[in-house]
Amino acid sequence: MWLRLLRAVLTFALDASETIRGFMVADRPDPAGFWQAISPMLRQAAKAGRPVRVFGEMVSLQWDASLIDAAVEVEAVWNELGAQYPFSLLCAYPAQPAACAHQLDA
């Protein structure tokens, strides 16, 4: 039973920090670079015909690096990907609330 379950699960793992470095240009996300990094895996996972779940921590890492605008832009690109590919995005956010005035609008 356990072995069958493992064979039925298609898993991809990317290092969030490395992935961010691959699509950021001058502290701003390049949407085309983001799509290039993420969409091939979403496409392959969607072809498997099972629900696709993505655990993402890139937005949180950008937020922690005070790249608030970049974090919001990456959220928007995830939403664009969601219109193209069926997946559930599960995000990791710190439990502490935004502390700085410039973070409150995000």
PDB file of N, CA and C in Angstrom:
ATOM      1  N   MET A   1       0.821  -1.195   0.000  1.00  0.00           N
ATOM      2  CA  MET A   1       0.000   0.000   0.000  1.00  0.00           C
ATOM      3  C   MET A   1       0.857   1.249   0.000  1.00  0.00           C
ATOM      4  N   TRP A   2       1.842   1.332   0.892  1.00  0.00           N
ATOM      5  CA  TRP A   2       2.709   2.505   0.982  1.00  0.00           C
ATOM      6  C   TRP A   2       3.496   2.716  -0.305  1.00  0.00           C
ATOM      7  N   LEU A   3       4.033   1.652  -0.880  1.00  0.00           N
ATOM      8  CA  LEU A   3       4.799   1.768  -2.121  1.00  0.00           C
ATOM      9  C   LEU A   3       3.923   2.249  -3.261  1.00  0.00           C
ATOM     10  N   ARG A   4       2.699   1.771  -3.318  1.00  0.00           N
ATOM     11  CA  ARG A   4       1.789   2.237  -4.369  1.00  0.00           C
ATOM     12  C   ARG A   4       1.489   3.723  -4.204  1.00  0.00           C
ATOM     13  N   LEU A   5       1.326   4.141  -2.989  1.00  0.00           N
ATOM     14  CA  LEU A   5       1.072   5.556  -2.727  1.00  0.00           C
ATOM     15  C   LEU A   5       2.263   6.395  -3.178  1.00  0.00           C
ATOM     16  N   LEU A   6       3.465   5.965  -2.848  1.00  0.00           N
ATOM     17  CA  LEU A   6       4.643   6.719  -3.248  1.00  0.00           C
ATOM     18  C   LEU A   6       4.765   6.814  -4.763  1.00  0.00           C
ATOM     19  N   ARG A   7       4.452   5.750  -5.469  1.00  0.00           N
ATOM     20  CA  ARG A   7       4.520   5.779  -6.925  1.00  0.00           C
ATOM     21  C   ARG A   7       3.464   6.696  -7.519  1.00  0.00           C
ATOM     22  N   ALA A   8       2.370   6.889  -6.812  1.00  0.00           N
ATOM     23  CA  ALA A   8       1.281   7.711  -7.330  1.00  0.00           C
ATOM     24  C   ALA A   8       1.518   9.200  -7.121  1.00  0.00           C
ATOM     25  N   VAL A   9       2.520   9.558  -6.351  1.00  0.00           N
ATOM     26  CA  VAL A   9       2.778  10.958  -6.037  1.00  0.00           C
ATOM     27  C   VAL A   9       3.939  11.467  -6.874  1.00  0.00           C
ATOM     28  N   LEU A  10       3.707  12.544  -7.589  1.00  0.00           N
ATOM     29  CA  LEU A  10       4.744  13.194  -8.378  1.00  0.00           C
ATOM     30  C   LEU A  10       5.199  14.415  -7.585  1.00  0.00           C
ATOM     31  N   THR A  11       6.462  14.454  -7.214  1.00  0.00           N
ATOM     32  CA  THR A  11       6.960  15.519  -6.353  1.00  0.00           C
ATOM     33  C   THR A  11       8.116  16.252  -7.011  1.00  0.00           C
ATOM     34  N   PHE A  12       8.062  17.574  -6.936  1.00  0.00           N
ATOM     35  CA  PHE A  12       9.157  18.420  -7.368  1.00  0.00           C
ATOM     36  C   PHE A  12       9.569  19.264  -6.173  1.00  0.00           C
ATOM     37  N   ALA A  13      10.831  19.467  -6.004  1.00  0.00           N
ATOM     38  CA  ALA A  13      11.303  20.311  -4.913  1.00  0.00           C
ATOM     39  C   ALA A  13      12.299  21.317  -5.469  1.00  0.00           C
ATOM     40  N   LEU A  14      12.041  22.570  -5.198  1.00  0.00           N
ATOM     41  CA  LEU A  14      12.948  23.641  -5.581  1.00  0.00           C
ATOM     42  C   LEU A  14      13.356  24.392  -4.331  1.00  0.00           C
ATOM     43  N   ASP A  15      14.581  24.823  -4.283  1.00  0.00           N
ATOM     44  CA  ASP A  15      15.023  25.689  -3.199  1.00  0.00           C
ATOM     45  C   ASP A  15      14.461  27.080  -3.472  1.00  0.00           C
ATOM     46  N   ALA A  16      13.679  27.609  -2.537  1.00  0.00           N
ATOM     47  CA  ALA A  16      13.013  28.895  -2.751  1.00  0.00           C
ATOM     48  C   ALA A  16      14.009  30.019  -2.986  1.00  0.00           C
ATOM     49  N   SER A  17      15.075  30.070  -2.209  1.00  0.00           N
ATOM     50  CA  SER A  17      16.065  31.147  -2.371  1.00  0.00           C
ATOM     51  C   SER A  17      16.742  31.081  -3.730  1.00  0.00           C
ATOM     52  N   GLU A  18      17.110  29.881  -4.157  1.00  0.00           N
ATOM     53  CA  GLU A  18      17.737  29.734  -5.474  1.00  0.00           C
ATOM     54  C   GLU A  18      16.764  30.096  -6.590  1.00  0.00           C
ATOM     55  N   THR A  19      15.525  29.694  -6.453  1.00  0.00           N
ATOM     56  CA  THR A  19      14.520  29.991  -7.466  1.00  0.00           C
ATOM     57  C   THR A  19      14.305  31.490  -7.579  1.00  0.00           C
ATOM     58  N   ILE A  20      14.239  32.175  -6.443  1.00  0.00           N
ATOM     59  CA  ILE A  20      14.081  33.631  -6.447  1.00  0.00           C
ATOM     60  C   ILE A  20      15.232  34.290  -7.201  1.00  0.00           C
ATOM     61  N   ARG A  21      16.449  33.863  -6.900  1.00  0.00           N
ATOM     62  CA  ARG A  21      17.611  34.460  -7.579  1.00  0.00           C
ATOM     63  C   ARG A  21      17.543  34.277  -9.094  1.00  0.00           C
ATOM     64  N   GLY A  22      16.862  33.233  -9.528  1.00  0.00           N
ATOM     65  CA  GLY A  22      16.765  32.960 -10.953  1.00  0.00           C
ATOM     66  C   GLY A  22      15.812  33.864 -11.713  1.00  0.00           C
ATOM     67  N   PHE A  23      14.874  34.519 -11.022  1.00  0.00           N
ATOM     68  CA  PHE A  23      13.927  35.364 -11.753  1.00  0.00           C
ATOM     69  C   PHE A  23      13.887  36.812 -11.269  1.00  0.00           C
ATOM     70  N   MET A  24      14.711  37.176 -10.321  1.00  0.00           N
ATOM     71  CA  MET A  24      14.740  38.560  -9.849  1.00  0.00           C
ATOM     72  C   MET A  24      15.739  39.373 -10.670  1.00  0.00           C
ATOM     73  N   VAL A  25      15.330  40.577 -11.031  1.00  0.00           N
ATOM     74  CA  VAL A  25      16.192  41.506 -11.757  1.00  0.00           C
ATOM     75  C   VAL A  25      16.109  42.838 -11.018  1.00  0.00           C
ATOM     76  N   ALA A  26      17.226  43.264 -10.440  1.00  0.00           N
ATOM     77  CA  ALA A  26      17.276  44.536  -9.704  1.00  0.00           C
ATOM     78  C   ALA A  26      16.171  44.611  -8.649  1.00  0.00           C
ATOM     79  N   ASP A  27      16.069  43.554  -7.828  1.00  0.00           N
ATOM     80  CA  ASP A  27      15.088  43.476  -6.733  1.00  0.00           C
ATOM     81  C   ASP A  27      13.635  43.478  -7.193  1.00  0.00           C
ATOM     82  N   ARG A  28      13.399  43.177  -8.454  1.00  0.00           N
ATOM     83  CA  ARG A  28      12.032  43.060  -8.973  1.00  0.00           C
ATOM     84  C   ARG A  28      11.896  41.714  -9.675  1.00  0.00           C
ATOM     85  N   PRO A  29      10.756  41.064  -9.519  1.00  0.00           N
ATOM     86  CA  PRO A  29      10.575  39.788 -10.211  1.00  0.00           C
ATOM     87  C   PRO A  29      10.339  40.002 -11.702  1.00  0.00           C
ATOM     88  N   ASP A  30      10.988  39.201 -12.498  1.00  0.00           N
ATOM     89  CA  ASP A  30      10.749  39.188 -13.933  1.00  0.00           C
ATOM     90  C   ASP A  30       9.683  38.125 -14.183  1.00  0.00           C
ATOM     91  N   PRO A  31       8.464  38.529 -14.567  1.00  0.00           N
ATOM     92  CA  PRO A  31       7.388  37.543 -14.738  1.00  0.00           C
ATOM     93  C   PRO A  31       7.747  36.423 -15.714  1.00  0.00           C
ATOM     94  N   ALA A  32       8.426  36.757 -16.799  1.00  0.00           N
ATOM     95  CA  ALA A  32       8.810  35.726 -17.772  1.00  0.00           C
ATOM     96  C   ALA A  32       9.774  34.725 -17.137  1.00  0.00           C
ATOM     97  N   GLY A  33      10.705  35.219 -16.334  1.00  0.00           N
ATOM     98  CA  GLY A  33      11.636  34.335 -15.645  1.00  0.00           C
ATOM     99  C   GLY A  33      10.935  33.450 -14.633  1.00  0.00           C
ATOM    100  N   PHE A  34       9.938  34.002 -13.957  1.00  0.00           N
ATOM    101  CA  PHE A  34       9.152  33.224 -13.001  1.00  0.00           C
ATOM    102  C   PHE A  34       8.414  32.104 -13.725  1.00  0.00           C
ATOM    103  N   TRP A  35       7.729  32.454 -14.820  1.00  0.00           N
ATOM    104  CA  TRP A  35       7.009  31.442 -15.605  1.00  0.00           C
ATOM    105  C   TRP A  35       7.971  30.367 -16.077  1.00  0.00           C
ATOM    106  N   GLN A  36       9.137  30.773 -16.532  1.00  0.00           N
ATOM    107  CA  GLN A  36      10.120  29.813 -17.042  1.00  0.00           C
ATOM    108  C   GLN A  36      10.588  28.859 -15.942  1.00  0.00           C
ATOM    109  N   ALA A  37      10.697  29.364 -14.733  1.00  0.00           N
ATOM    110  CA  ALA A  37      11.161  28.538 -13.610  1.00  0.00           C
ATOM    111  C   ALA A  37      10.077  27.601 -13.081  1.00  0.00           C
ATOM    112  N   ILE A  38       8.836  28.052 -13.078  1.00  0.00           N
ATOM    113  CA  ILE A  38       7.767  27.326 -12.392  1.00  0.00           C
ATOM    114  C   ILE A  38       6.837  26.560 -13.334  1.00  0.00           C
ATOM    115  N   SER A  39       6.486  27.131 -14.469  1.00  0.00           N
ATOM    116  CA  SER A  39       5.442  26.525 -15.300  1.00  0.00           C
ATOM    117  C   SER A  39       5.779  25.134 -15.841  1.00  0.00           C
ATOM    118  N   PRO A  40       7.034  24.803 -16.163  1.00  0.00           N
ATOM    119  CA  PRO A  40       7.273  23.430 -16.653  1.00  0.00           C
ATOM    120  C   PRO A  40       6.854  22.362 -15.639  1.00  0.00           C
ATOM    121  N   MET A  41       7.096  22.615 -14.364  1.00  0.00           N
ATOM    122  CA  MET A  41       6.707  21.641 -13.349  1.00  0.00           C
ATOM    123  C   MET A  41       5.195  21.584 -13.182  1.00  0.00           C
ATOM    124  N   LEU A  42       4.542  22.740 -13.232  1.00  0.00           N
ATOM    125  CA  LEU A  42       3.089  22.751 -13.128  1.00  0.00           C
ATOM    126  C   LEU A  42       2.465  22.020 -14.309  1.00  0.00           C
ATOM    127  N   ARG A  43       3.005  22.264 -15.483  1.00  0.00           N
ATOM    128  CA  ARG A  43       2.496  21.606 -16.682  1.00  0.00           C
ATOM    129  C   ARG A  43       2.635  20.084 -16.570  1.00  0.00           C
ATOM    130  N   GLN A  44       3.806  19.619 -16.152  1.00  0.00           N
ATOM    131  CA  GLN A  44       4.037  18.183 -16.019  1.00  0.00           C
ATOM    132  C   GLN A  44       3.150  17.583 -14.934  1.00  0.00           C
ATOM    133  N   ALA A  45       3.018  18.275 -13.819  1.00  0.00           N
ATOM    134  CA  ALA A  45       2.178  17.775 -12.731  1.00  0.00           C
ATOM    135  C   ALA A  45       0.714  17.721 -13.156  1.00  0.00           C
ATOM    136  N   ALA A  46       0.250  18.726 -13.887  1.00  0.00           N
ATOM    137  CA  ALA A  46      -1.143  18.754 -14.331  1.00  0.00           C
ATOM    138  C   ALA A  46      -1.437  17.607 -15.288  1.00  0.00           C
ATOM    139  N   LYS A  47      -0.456  17.213 -16.094  1.00  0.00           N
ATOM    140  CA  LYS A  47      -0.645  16.104 -17.030  1.00  0.00           C
ATOM    141  C   LYS A  47      -0.885  14.786 -16.313  1.00  0.00           C
ATOM    142  N   ALA A  48      -0.441  14.686 -15.070  1.00  0.00           N
ATOM    143  CA  ALA A  48      -0.616  13.446 -14.309  1.00  0.00           C
ATOM    144  C   ALA A  48      -2.087  13.198 -13.968  1.00  0.00           C
ATOM    145  N   GLY A  49      -2.916  14.242 -14.072  1.00  0.00           N
ATOM    146  CA  GLY A  49      -4.344  14.073 -13.850  1.00  0.00           C
ATOM    147  C   GLY A  49      -4.779  14.014 -12.403  1.00  0.00           C
ATOM    148  N   ARG A  50      -3.891  14.355 -11.496  1.00  0.00           N
ATOM    149  CA  ARG A  50      -4.231  14.376 -10.073  1.00  0.00           C
ATOM    150  C   ARG A  50      -4.178  15.819  -9.572  1.00  0.00           C
ATOM    151  N   PRO A  51      -4.791  16.098  -8.423  1.00  0.00           N
ATOM    152  CA  PRO A  51      -4.713  17.461  -7.886  1.00  0.00           C
ATOM    153  C   PRO A  51      -3.253  17.879  -7.679  1.00  0.00           C
ATOM    154  N   VAL A  52      -2.976  19.118  -8.016  1.00  0.00           N
ATOM    155  CA  VAL A  52      -1.625  19.664  -7.871  1.00  0.00           C
ATOM    156  C   VAL A  52      -1.642  20.647  -6.714  1.00  0.00           C
ATOM    157  N   ARG A  53      -0.711  20.461  -5.792  1.00  0.00           N
ATOM    158  CA  ARG A  53      -0.583  21.356  -4.643  1.00  0.00           C
ATOM    159  C   ARG A  53       0.833  21.893  -4.621  1.00  0.00           C
ATOM    160  N   VAL A  54       0.929  23.205  -4.465  1.00  0.00           N
ATOM    161  CA  VAL A  54       2.229  23.875  -4.435  1.00  0.00           C
ATOM    162  C   VAL A  54       2.397  24.500  -3.062  1.00  0.00           C
ATOM    163  N   PHE A  55       3.499  24.211  -2.426  1.00  0.00           N
ATOM    164  CA  PHE A  55       3.840  24.890  -1.177  1.00  0.00           C
ATOM    165  C   PHE A  55       4.877  25.937  -1.526  1.00  0.00           C
ATOM    166  N   GLY A  56       4.548  27.201  -1.278  1.00  0.00           N
ATOM    167  CA  GLY A  56       5.443  28.284  -1.655  1.00  0.00           C
ATOM    168  C   GLY A  56       5.879  29.115  -0.470  1.00  0.00           C
ATOM    169  N   GLU A  57       7.155  29.419  -0.447  1.00  0.00           N
ATOM    170  CA  GLU A  57       7.674  30.298   0.598  1.00  0.00           C
ATOM    171  C   GLU A  57       8.432  31.486   0.013  1.00  0.00           C
ATOM    172  N   MET A  58       8.413  31.631  -1.302  1.00  0.00           N
ATOM    173  CA  MET A  58       9.174  32.716  -1.929  1.00  0.00           C
ATOM    174  C   MET A  58       8.664  34.092  -1.512  1.00  0.00           C
ATOM    175  N   VAL A  59       7.355  34.245  -1.438  1.00  0.00           N
ATOM    176  CA  VAL A  59       6.783  35.538  -1.044  1.00  0.00           C
ATOM    177  C   VAL A  59       7.227  35.902   0.366  1.00  0.00           C
ATOM    178  N   SER A  60       7.195  34.945   1.253  1.00  0.00           N
ATOM    179  CA  SER A  60       7.613  35.187   2.630  1.00  0.00           C
ATOM    180  C   SER A  60       9.093  35.585   2.700  1.00  0.00           C
ATOM    181  N   LEU A  61       9.921  34.908   1.921  1.00  0.00           N
ATOM    182  CA  LEU A  61      11.352  35.252   1.907  1.00  0.00           C
ATOM    183  C   LEU A  61      11.578  36.666   1.387  1.00  0.00           C
ATOM    184  N   GLN A  62      10.823  37.050   0.372  1.00  0.00           N
ATOM    185  CA  GLN A  62      10.953  38.415  -0.154  1.00  0.00           C
ATOM    186  C   GLN A  62      10.465  39.435   0.867  1.00  0.00           C
ATOM    187  N   TRP A  63       9.381  39.118   1.514  1.00  0.00           N
ATOM    188  CA  TRP A  63       8.848  40.009   2.549  1.00  0.00           C
ATOM    189  C   TRP A  63       9.893  40.196   3.643  1.00  0.00           C
ATOM    190  N   ASP A  64      10.481  39.097   4.098  1.00  0.00           N
ATOM    191  CA  ASP A  64      11.498  39.164   5.155  1.00  0.00           C
ATOM    192  C   ASP A  64      12.726  39.962   4.726  1.00  0.00           C
ATOM    193  N   ALA A  65      12.989  39.999   3.422  1.00  0.00           N
ATOM    194  CA  ALA A  65      14.118  40.770   2.894  1.00  0.00           C
ATOM    195  C   ALA A  65      13.721  42.213   2.613  1.00  0.00           C
ATOM    196  N   SER A  66      12.538  42.626   3.073  1.00  0.00           N
ATOM    197  CA  SER A  66      11.991  43.982   2.868  1.00  0.00           C
ATOM    198  C   SER A  66      11.746  44.296   1.402  1.00  0.00           C
ATOM    199  N   LEU A  67      11.523  43.275   0.599  1.00  0.00           N
ATOM    200  CA  LEU A  67      11.163  43.448  -0.806  1.00  0.00           C
ATOM    201  C   LEU A  67       9.647  43.285  -0.931  1.00  0.00           C
ATOM    202  N   ILE A  68       8.937  44.203  -0.283  1.00  0.00           N
ATOM    203  CA  ILE A  68       7.485  44.102  -0.159  1.00  0.00           C
ATOM    204  C   ILE A  68       6.804  44.178  -1.517  1.00  0.00           C
ATOM    205  N   ASP A  69       7.197  45.135  -2.343  1.00  0.00           N
ATOM    206  CA  ASP A  69       6.589  45.255  -3.670  1.00  0.00           C
ATOM    207  C   ASP A  69       6.850  44.008  -4.501  1.00  0.00           C
ATOM    208  N   ALA A  70       8.053  43.475  -4.407  1.00  0.00           N
ATOM    209  CA  ALA A  70       8.391  42.248  -5.143  1.00  0.00           C
ATOM    210  C   ALA A  70       7.526  41.086  -4.661  1.00  0.00           C
ATOM    211  N   ALA A  71       7.309  41.002  -3.364  1.00  0.00           N
ATOM    212  CA  ALA A  71       6.486  39.926  -2.816  1.00  0.00           C
ATOM    213  C   ALA A  71       5.066  40.003  -3.370  1.00  0.00           C
ATOM    214  N   VAL A  72       4.515  41.197  -3.430  1.00  0.00           N
ATOM    215  CA  VAL A  72       3.160  41.385  -3.962  1.00  0.00           C
ATOM    216  C   VAL A  72       3.125  41.030  -5.448  1.00  0.00           C
ATOM    217  N   GLU A  73       4.170  41.404  -6.182  1.00  0.00           N
ATOM    218  CA  GLU A  73       4.231  41.085  -7.605  1.00  0.00           C
ATOM    219  C   GLU A  73       4.321  39.577  -7.837  1.00  0.00           C
ATOM    220  N   VAL A  74       5.065  38.875  -7.004  1.00  0.00           N
ATOM    221  CA  VAL A  74       5.154  37.417  -7.143  1.00  0.00           C
ATOM    222  C   VAL A  74       3.793  36.786  -6.850  1.00  0.00           C
ATOM    223  N   GLU A  75       3.085  37.301  -5.872  1.00  0.00           N
ATOM    224  CA  GLU A  75       1.721  36.811  -5.613  1.00  0.00           C
ATOM    225  C   GLU A  75       0.869  36.961  -6.870  1.00  0.00           C
ATOM    226  N   ALA A  76       1.010  38.094  -7.558  1.00  0.00           N
ATOM    227  CA  ALA A  76       0.231  38.331  -8.776  1.00  0.00           C
ATOM    228  C   ALA A  76       0.599  37.331  -9.876  1.00  0.00           C
ATOM    229  N   VAL A  77       1.879  37.016  -9.996  1.00  0.00           N
ATOM    230  CA  VAL A  77       2.296  36.053 -11.022  1.00  0.00           C
ATOM    231  C   VAL A  77       1.774  34.653 -10.674  1.00  0.00           C
ATOM    232  N   TRP A  78       1.771  34.304  -9.395  1.00  0.00           N
ATOM    233  CA  TRP A  78       1.170  33.025  -8.997  1.00  0.00           C
ATOM    234  C   TRP A  78      -0.289  32.995  -9.434  1.00  0.00           C
ATOM    235  N   ASN A  79      -1.010  34.110  -9.249  1.00  0.00           N
ATOM    236  CA  ASN A  79      -2.417  34.169  -9.653  1.00  0.00           C
ATOM    237  C   ASN A  79      -2.561  33.991 -11.164  1.00  0.00           C
ATOM    238  N   GLU A  80      -1.649  34.565 -11.939  1.00  0.00           N
ATOM    239  CA  GLU A  80      -1.675  34.389 -13.393  1.00  0.00           C
ATOM    240  C   GLU A  80      -1.454  32.919 -13.756  1.00  0.00           C
ATOM    241  N   LEU A  81      -0.508  32.289 -13.076  1.00  0.00           N
ATOM    242  CA  LEU A  81      -0.261  30.864 -13.319  1.00  0.00           C
ATOM    243  C   LEU A  81      -1.502  30.037 -12.971  1.00  0.00           C
ATOM    244  N   GLY A  82      -2.198  30.453 -11.917  1.00  0.00           N
ATOM    245  CA  GLY A  82      -3.403  29.743 -11.501  1.00  0.00           C
ATOM    246  C   GLY A  82      -4.517  29.817 -12.532  1.00  0.00           C
ATOM    247  N   ALA A  83      -4.507  30.848 -13.348  1.00  0.00           N
ATOM    248  CA  ALA A  83      -5.490  30.952 -14.427  1.00  0.00           C
ATOM    249  C   ALA A  83      -5.137  30.016 -15.582  1.00  0.00           C
ATOM    250  N   GLN A  84      -3.876  29.623 -15.670  1.00  0.00           N
ATOM    251  CA  GLN A  84      -3.399  28.762 -16.758  1.00  0.00           C
ATOM    252  C   GLN A  84      -3.364  27.283 -16.371  1.00  0.00           C
ATOM    253  N   TYR A  85      -2.997  27.006 -15.120  1.00  0.00           N
ATOM    254  CA  TYR A  85      -2.828  25.636 -14.649  1.00  0.00           C
ATOM    255  C   TYR A  85      -3.674  25.411 -13.397  1.00  0.00           C
ATOM    256  N   PRO A  86      -4.280  24.227 -13.273  1.00  0.00           N
ATOM    257  CA  PRO A  86      -5.061  23.943 -12.069  1.00  0.00           C
ATOM    258  C   PRO A  86      -4.149  23.499 -10.919  1.00  0.00           C
ATOM    259  N   PHE A  87      -4.063  24.313  -9.881  1.00  0.00           N
ATOM    260  CA  PHE A  87      -3.281  23.945  -8.705  1.00  0.00           C
ATOM    261  C   PHE A  87      -3.773  24.722  -7.501  1.00  0.00           C
ATOM    262  N   SER A  88      -3.473  24.187  -6.330  1.00  0.00           N
ATOM    263  CA  SER A  88      -3.736  24.883  -5.074  1.00  0.00           C
ATOM    264  C   SER A  88      -2.407  25.390  -4.559  1.00  0.00           C
ATOM    265  N   LEU A  89      -2.356  26.658  -4.210  1.00  0.00           N
ATOM    266  CA  LEU A  89      -1.135  27.264  -3.696  1.00  0.00           C
ATOM    267  C   LEU A  89      -1.248  27.387  -2.179  1.00  0.00           C
ATOM    268  N   LEU A  90      -0.355  26.728  -1.491  1.00  0.00           N
ATOM    269  CA  LEU A  90      -0.283  26.778  -0.035  1.00  0.00           C
ATOM    270  C   LEU A  90       0.949  27.593   0.315  1.00  0.00           C
ATOM    271  N   CYS A  91       0.759  28.710   0.959  1.00  0.00           N
ATOM    272  CA  CYS A  91       1.866  29.633   1.218  1.00  0.00           C
ATOM    273  C   CYS A  91       2.288  29.621   2.681  1.00  0.00           C
ATOM    274  N   ALA A  92       3.547  29.920   2.885  1.00  0.00           N
ATOM    275  CA  ALA A  92       4.104  30.028   4.231  1.00  0.00           C
ATOM    276  C   ALA A  92       4.314  31.506   4.535  1.00  0.00           C
ATOM    277  N   TYR A  93       3.650  31.973   5.555  1.00  0.00           N
ATOM    278  CA  TYR A  93       3.807  33.358   5.986  1.00  0.00           C
ATOM    279  C   TYR A  93       4.153  33.363   7.468  1.00  0.00           C
ATOM    280  N   PRO A  94       4.967  34.329   7.885  1.00  0.00           N
ATOM    281  CA  PRO A  94       5.282  34.400   9.318  1.00  0.00           C
ATOM    282  C   PRO A  94       4.037  34.758  10.116  1.00  0.00           C
ATOM    283  N   ALA A  95       3.991  34.296  11.340  1.00  0.00           N
ATOM    284  CA  ALA A  95       2.847  34.566  12.202  1.00  0.00           C
ATOM    285  C   ALA A  95       2.817  36.008  12.696  1.00  0.00           C
ATOM    286  N   GLN A  96       3.979  36.659  12.689  1.00  0.00           N
ATOM    287  CA  GLN A  96       4.014  38.037  13.183  1.00  0.00           C
ATOM    288  C   GLN A  96       3.385  38.974  12.150  1.00  0.00           C
ATOM    289  N   PRO A  97       2.631  39.963  12.598  1.00  0.00           N
ATOM    290  CA  PRO A  97       1.998  40.897  11.672  1.00  0.00           C
ATOM    291  C   PRO A  97       3.007  41.883  11.095  1.00  0.00           C
ATOM    292  N   ALA A  98       2.588  42.576  10.055  1.00  0.00           N
ATOM    293  CA  ALA A  98       3.429  43.620   9.466  1.00  0.00           C
ATOM    294  C   ALA A  98       3.670  44.694  10.508  1.00  0.00           C
ATOM    295  N   ALA A  99       4.918  45.059  10.675  1.00  0.00           N
ATOM    296  CA  ALA A  99       5.269  45.996  11.735  1.00  0.00           C
ATOM    297  C   ALA A  99       5.556  47.397  11.221  1.00  0.00           C
ATOM    298  N   CYS A 100       5.925  47.512   9.969  1.00  0.00           N
ATOM    299  CA  CYS A 100       6.312  48.818   9.426  1.00  0.00           C
ATOM    300  C   CYS A 100       5.160  49.406   8.642  1.00  0.00           C
ATOM    301  N   ALA A 101       5.073  50.715   8.650  1.00  0.00           N
ATOM    302  CA  ALA A 101       3.984  51.406   7.961  1.00  0.00           C
ATOM    303  C   ALA A 101       3.952  51.061   6.479  1.00  0.00           C
ATOM    304  N   HIS A 102       5.125  50.921   5.818  1.00  0.00           N
ATOM    305  CA  HIS A 102       5.154  50.623   4.390  1.00  0.00           C
ATOM    306  C   HIS A 102       4.685  49.208   4.079  1.00  0.00           C
ATOM    307  N   GLN A 103       4.564  48.352   5.082  1.00  0.00           N
ATOM    308  CA  GLN A 103       4.088  46.993   4.875  1.00  0.00           C
ATOM    309  C   GLN A 103       2.577  46.876   5.051  1.00  0.00           C
ATOM    310  N   LEU A 104       1.964  47.828   5.664  1.00  0.00           N
ATOM    311  CA  LEU A 104       0.555  47.713   6.008  1.00  0.00           C
ATOM    312  C   LEU A 104      -0.356  47.697   4.788  1.00  0.00           C
ATOM    313  N   ASP A 105       0.023  48.376   3.699  1.00  0.00           N
ATOM    314  CA  ASP A 105      -0.800  48.399   2.504  1.00  0.00           C
ATOM    315  C   ASP A 105      -0.675  47.134   1.675  1.00  0.00           C
ATOM    316  N   ALA A 106       0.379  46.363   1.884  1.00  0.00           N
ATOM    317  CA  ALA A 106       0.604  45.159   1.085  1.00  0.00           C
ATOM    318  C   ALA A 106      -0.374  44.108   1.519  1.00  0.00           C
TER     319      ALA A 106
END
